[in-house]
Amino acid sequence: MSSSKVILWGRKGCQHCEEIKSYLEEKNYLYKLIDVEGKDYLRDVLEAKYNIRHVPVIEIGTEGLFQAVLEKDFEQIEHLIEKHILPSGS
Protein backbone atom coordinates (compact mmCIF):
# COMPACT_ATOMS: atom_id res chain seq x y z
CA MET A 1 0.00 0.00 0.00
CA SER A 2 3.03 2.28 -0.07
CA SER A 3 2.09 3.83 -3.41
CA SER A 4 -1.63 4.13 -2.57
CA LYS A 5 -2.90 7.28 -0.98
CA VAL A 6 -5.94 9.08 0.32
CA ILE A 7 -5.44 12.81 0.73
CA LEU A 8 -8.00 15.00 2.46
CA TRP A 9 -7.77 18.72 1.81
CA GLY A 10 -9.62 20.40 4.67
CA ARG A 11 -9.58 22.98 7.42
CA LYS A 12 -10.47 23.26 11.09
CA GLY A 13 -14.07 24.21 11.71
CA CYS A 14 -15.29 22.65 8.45
CA GLN A 15 -18.17 20.35 9.37
CA HIS A 16 -18.00 18.41 6.09
CA CYS A 17 -14.24 17.93 6.50
CA GLU A 18 -14.76 16.55 10.01
CA GLU A 19 -17.45 14.16 8.76
CA ILE A 20 -15.11 12.81 6.10
CA LYS A 21 -12.24 12.48 8.62
CA SER A 22 -14.55 10.52 10.92
CA TYR A 23 -15.65 8.30 8.04
CA LEU A 24 -12.07 7.53 6.98
CA GLU A 25 -11.02 6.82 10.57
CA GLU A 26 -14.08 4.63 11.21
CA LYS A 27 -13.15 2.55 8.14
CA ASN A 28 -9.48 2.46 9.25
CA TYR A 29 -8.32 4.06 5.99
CA LEU A 30 -4.96 5.79 6.24
CA TYR A 31 -5.03 9.33 4.90
CA LYS A 32 -2.96 12.47 4.81
CA LEU A 33 -4.59 15.73 5.86
CA ILE A 34 -3.63 18.94 4.10
CA ASP A 35 -4.89 21.84 6.22
CA VAL A 36 -5.63 24.84 3.99
CA GLU A 37 -6.60 27.16 6.89
CA GLY A 38 -4.91 30.52 6.33
CA LYS A 39 -2.86 29.16 3.42
CA ASP A 40 -4.11 30.80 0.24
CA TYR A 41 -1.31 29.15 -1.76
CA LEU A 42 -2.89 25.75 -1.03
CA ARG A 43 -6.28 27.01 -2.17
CA ASP A 44 -4.47 28.25 -5.30
CA VAL A 45 -3.34 24.65 -5.87
CA LEU A 46 -6.95 23.44 -5.60
CA GLU A 47 -8.04 26.16 -8.01
CA ALA A 48 -5.35 25.19 -10.52
CA LYS A 49 -6.18 21.47 -10.26
CA TYR A 50 -9.98 21.52 -9.94
CA ASN A 51 -11.13 25.11 -10.54
CA ILE A 52 -12.41 25.36 -6.95
CA ARG A 53 -11.12 26.93 -3.73
CA HIS A 54 -13.39 25.18 -1.22
CA VAL A 55 -12.85 22.12 0.91
CA PRO A 56 -13.25 19.26 1.48
CA VAL A 57 -11.49 17.70 -1.48
CA ILE A 58 -10.55 14.03 -1.28
CA GLU A 59 -7.88 12.72 -3.64
CA ILE A 60 -7.56 8.96 -4.00
CA GLY A 61 -5.09 7.13 -6.18
CA THR A 62 -1.97 5.11 -6.78
CA GLU A 63 1.31 5.57 -8.63
CA GLY A 64 0.86 9.36 -8.75
CA LEU A 65 -2.49 9.14 -10.57
CA PHE A 66 -5.28 10.55 -8.44
CA GLN A 67 -9.00 11.05 -8.82
CA ALA A 68 -10.78 13.66 -6.74
CA VAL A 69 -14.10 13.78 -4.96
CA LEU A 70 -15.07 17.44 -4.73
CA GLU A 71 -17.96 17.13 -2.32
CA LYS A 72 -19.09 14.97 0.59
CA ASP A 73 -20.00 11.85 -1.40
CA PHE A 74 -19.25 8.76 0.68
CA GLU A 75 -20.38 6.40 -2.07
CA GLN A 76 -17.89 7.89 -4.54
CA ILE A 77 -15.14 7.92 -1.90
CA GLU A 78 -15.75 4.23 -1.18
CA HIS A 79 -15.83 3.40 -4.90
CA LEU A 80 -12.45 5.07 -5.51
CA ILE A 81 -10.87 3.49 -2.44
CA GLU A 82 -12.04 0.08 -3.58
CA LYS A 83 -10.73 0.77 -7.09
CA HIS A 84 -7.34 2.20 -6.11
CA ILE A 85 -6.50 1.14 -2.57
CA LEU A 86 -8.05 -2.15 -1.56
CA PRO A 87 -6.83 -4.38 -4.41
CA SER A 88 -3.19 -3.47 -3.78
CA GLY A 89 -3.57 -3.36 0.00
CA SER A 90 -5.36 -6.66 0.45
C-alpha atoms as a PDB file:
ATOM      1  CA  MET A   1       0.000   0.000   0.000  1.00  0.00           C
ATOM      2  CA  SER A   2       3.028   2.284  -0.075  1.00  0.00           C
ATOM      3  CA  SER A   3       2.094   3.834  -3.415  1.00  0.00           C
ATOM      4  CA  SER A   4      -1.627   4.125  -2.574  1.00  0.00           C
ATOM      5  CA  LYS A   5      -2.901   7.279  -0.980  1.00  0.00           C
ATOM      6  CA  VAL A   6      -5.937   9.078   0.320  1.00  0.00           C
ATOM      7  CA  ILE A   7      -5.444  12.806   0.731  1.00  0.00           C
ATOM      8  CA  LEU A   8      -8.005  14.998   2.465  1.00  0.00           C
ATOM      9  CA  TRP A   9      -7.766  18.719   1.811  1.00  0.00           C
ATOM     10  CA  GLY A  10      -9.620  20.399   4.669  1.00  0.00           C
ATOM     11  CA  ARG A  11      -9.582  22.979   7.422  1.00  0.00           C
ATOM     12  CA  LYS A  12     -10.468  23.259  11.090  1.00  0.00           C
ATOM     13  CA  GLY A  13     -14.073  24.214  11.707  1.00  0.00           C
ATOM     14  CA  CYS A  14     -15.294  22.645   8.454  1.00  0.00           C
ATOM     15  CA  GLN A  15     -18.173  20.346   9.366  1.00  0.00           C
ATOM     16  CA  HIS A  16     -18.001  18.405   6.087  1.00  0.00           C
ATOM     17  CA  CYS A  17     -14.240  17.926   6.500  1.00  0.00           C
ATOM     18  CA  GLU A  18     -14.757  16.550  10.010  1.00  0.00           C
ATOM     19  CA  GLU A  19     -17.448  14.162   8.765  1.00  0.00           C
ATOM     20  CA  ILE A  20     -15.106  12.807   6.098  1.00  0.00           C
ATOM     21  CA  LYS A  21     -12.242  12.482   8.616  1.00  0.00           C
ATOM     22  CA  SER A  22     -14.549  10.517  10.920  1.00  0.00           C
ATOM     23  CA  TYR A  23     -15.654   8.302   8.042  1.00  0.00           C
ATOM     24  CA  LEU A  24     -12.071   7.526   6.982  1.00  0.00           C
ATOM     25  CA  GLU A  25     -11.020   6.821  10.568  1.00  0.00           C
ATOM     26  CA  GLU A  26     -14.081   4.634  11.210  1.00  0.00           C
ATOM     27  CA  LYS A  27     -13.153   2.553   8.143  1.00  0.00           C
ATOM     28  CA  ASN A  28      -9.479   2.456   9.248  1.00  0.00           C
ATOM     29  CA  TYR A  29      -8.320   4.060   5.994  1.00  0.00           C
ATOM     30  CA  LEU A  30      -4.962   5.792   6.239  1.00  0.00           C
ATOM     31  CA  TYR A  31      -5.033   9.330   4.901  1.00  0.00           C
ATOM     32  CA  LYS A  32      -2.960  12.471   4.807  1.00  0.00           C
ATOM     33  CA  LEU A  33      -4.592  15.733   5.864  1.00  0.00           C
ATOM     34  CA  ILE A  34      -3.626  18.939   4.095  1.00  0.00           C
ATOM     35  CA  ASP A  35      -4.887  21.842   6.217  1.00  0.00           C
ATOM     36  CA  VAL A  36      -5.635  24.844   3.995  1.00  0.00           C
ATOM     37  CA  GLU A  37      -6.604  27.162   6.887  1.00  0.00           C
ATOM     38  CA  GLY A  38      -4.905  30.518   6.326  1.00  0.00           C
ATOM     39  CA  LYS A  39      -2.864  29.165   3.416  1.00  0.00           C
ATOM     40  CA  ASP A  40      -4.108  30.798   0.244  1.00  0.00           C
ATOM     41  CA  TYR A  41      -1.313  29.151  -1.764  1.00  0.00           C
ATOM     42  CA  LEU A  42      -2.894  25.746  -1.032  1.00  0.00           C
ATOM     43  CA  ARG A  43      -6.281  27.012  -2.170  1.00  0.00           C
ATOM     44  CA  ASP A  44      -4.473  28.254  -5.300  1.00  0.00           C
ATOM     45  CA  VAL A  45      -3.344  24.651  -5.873  1.00  0.00           C
ATOM     46  CA  LEU A  46      -6.952  23.445  -5.604  1.00  0.00           C
ATOM     47  CA  GLU A  47      -8.041  26.158  -8.013  1.00  0.00           C
ATOM     48  CA  ALA A  48      -5.353  25.187 -10.524  1.00  0.00           C
ATOM     49  CA  LYS A  49      -6.177  21.474 -10.259  1.00  0.00           C
ATOM     50  CA  TYR A  50      -9.978  21.517  -9.942  1.00  0.00           C
ATOM     51  CA  ASN A  51     -11.133  25.105 -10.540  1.00  0.00           C
ATOM     52  CA  ILE A  52     -12.411  25.361  -6.945  1.00  0.00           C
ATOM     53  CA  ARG A  53     -11.123  26.929  -3.729  1.00  0.00           C
ATOM     54  CA  HIS A  54     -13.389  25.181  -1.223  1.00  0.00           C
ATOM     55  CA  VAL A  55     -12.854  22.115   0.915  1.00  0.00           C
ATOM     56  CA  PRO A  56     -13.250  19.264   1.479  1.00  0.00           C
ATOM     57  CA  VAL A  57     -11.490  17.698  -1.477  1.00  0.00           C
ATOM     58  CA  ILE A  58     -10.550  14.034  -1.279  1.00  0.00           C
ATOM     59  CA  GLU A  59      -7.879  12.720  -3.639  1.00  0.00           C
ATOM     60  CA  ILE A  60      -7.562   8.961  -4.005  1.00  0.00           C
ATOM     61  CA  GLY A  61      -5.088   7.129  -6.178  1.00  0.00           C
ATOM     62  CA  THR A  62      -1.974   5.111  -6.784  1.00  0.00           C
ATOM     63  CA  GLU A  63       1.307   5.575  -8.634  1.00  0.00           C
ATOM     64  CA  GLY A  64       0.863   9.361  -8.751  1.00  0.00           C
ATOM     65  CA  LEU A  65      -2.495   9.138 -10.567  1.00  0.00           C
ATOM     66  CA  PHE A  66      -5.285  10.552  -8.441  1.00  0.00           C
ATOM     67  CA  GLN A  67      -8.996  11.055  -8.824  1.00  0.00           C
ATOM     68  CA  ALA A  68     -10.785  13.658  -6.738  1.00  0.00           C
ATOM     69  CA  VAL A  69     -14.103  13.780  -4.959  1.00  0.00           C
ATOM     70  CA  LEU A  70     -15.067  17.441  -4.731  1.00  0.00           C
ATOM     71  CA  GLU A  71     -17.965  17.125  -2.315  1.00  0.00           C
ATOM     72  CA  LYS A  72     -19.090  14.971   0.589  1.00  0.00           C
ATOM     73  CA  ASP A  73     -20.001  11.853  -1.402  1.00  0.00           C
ATOM     74  CA  PHE A  74     -19.247   8.761   0.683  1.00  0.00           C
ATOM     75  CA  GLU A  75     -20.382   6.402  -2.072  1.00  0.00           C
ATOM     76  CA  GLN A  76     -17.895   7.894  -4.537  1.00  0.00           C
ATOM     77  CA  ILE A  77     -15.139   7.917  -1.904  1.00  0.00           C
ATOM     78  CA  GLU A  78     -15.749   4.230  -1.181  1.00  0.00           C
ATOM     79  CA  HIS A  79     -15.827   3.398  -4.903  1.00  0.00           C
ATOM     80  CA  LEU A  80     -12.452   5.066  -5.515  1.00  0.00           C
ATOM     81  CA  ILE A  81     -10.874   3.492  -2.440  1.00  0.00           C
ATOM     82  CA  GLU A  82     -12.045   0.076  -3.580  1.00  0.00           C
ATOM     83  CA  LYS A  83     -10.733   0.771  -7.085  1.00  0.00           C
ATOM     84  CA  HIS A  84      -7.336   2.203  -6.107  1.00  0.00           C
ATOM     85  CA  ILE A  85      -6.502   1.143  -2.572  1.00  0.00           C
ATOM     86  CA  LEU A  86      -8.051  -2.146  -1.558  1.00  0.00           C
ATOM     87  CA  PRO A  87      -6.835  -4.377  -4.414  1.00  0.00           C
ATOM     88  CA  SER A  88      -3.190  -3.468  -3.783  1.00  0.00           C
ATOM     89  CA  GLY A  89      -3.567  -3.359  -0.004  1.00  0.00           C
ATOM     90  CA  SER A  90      -5.364  -6.665   0.451  1.00  0.00           C
END
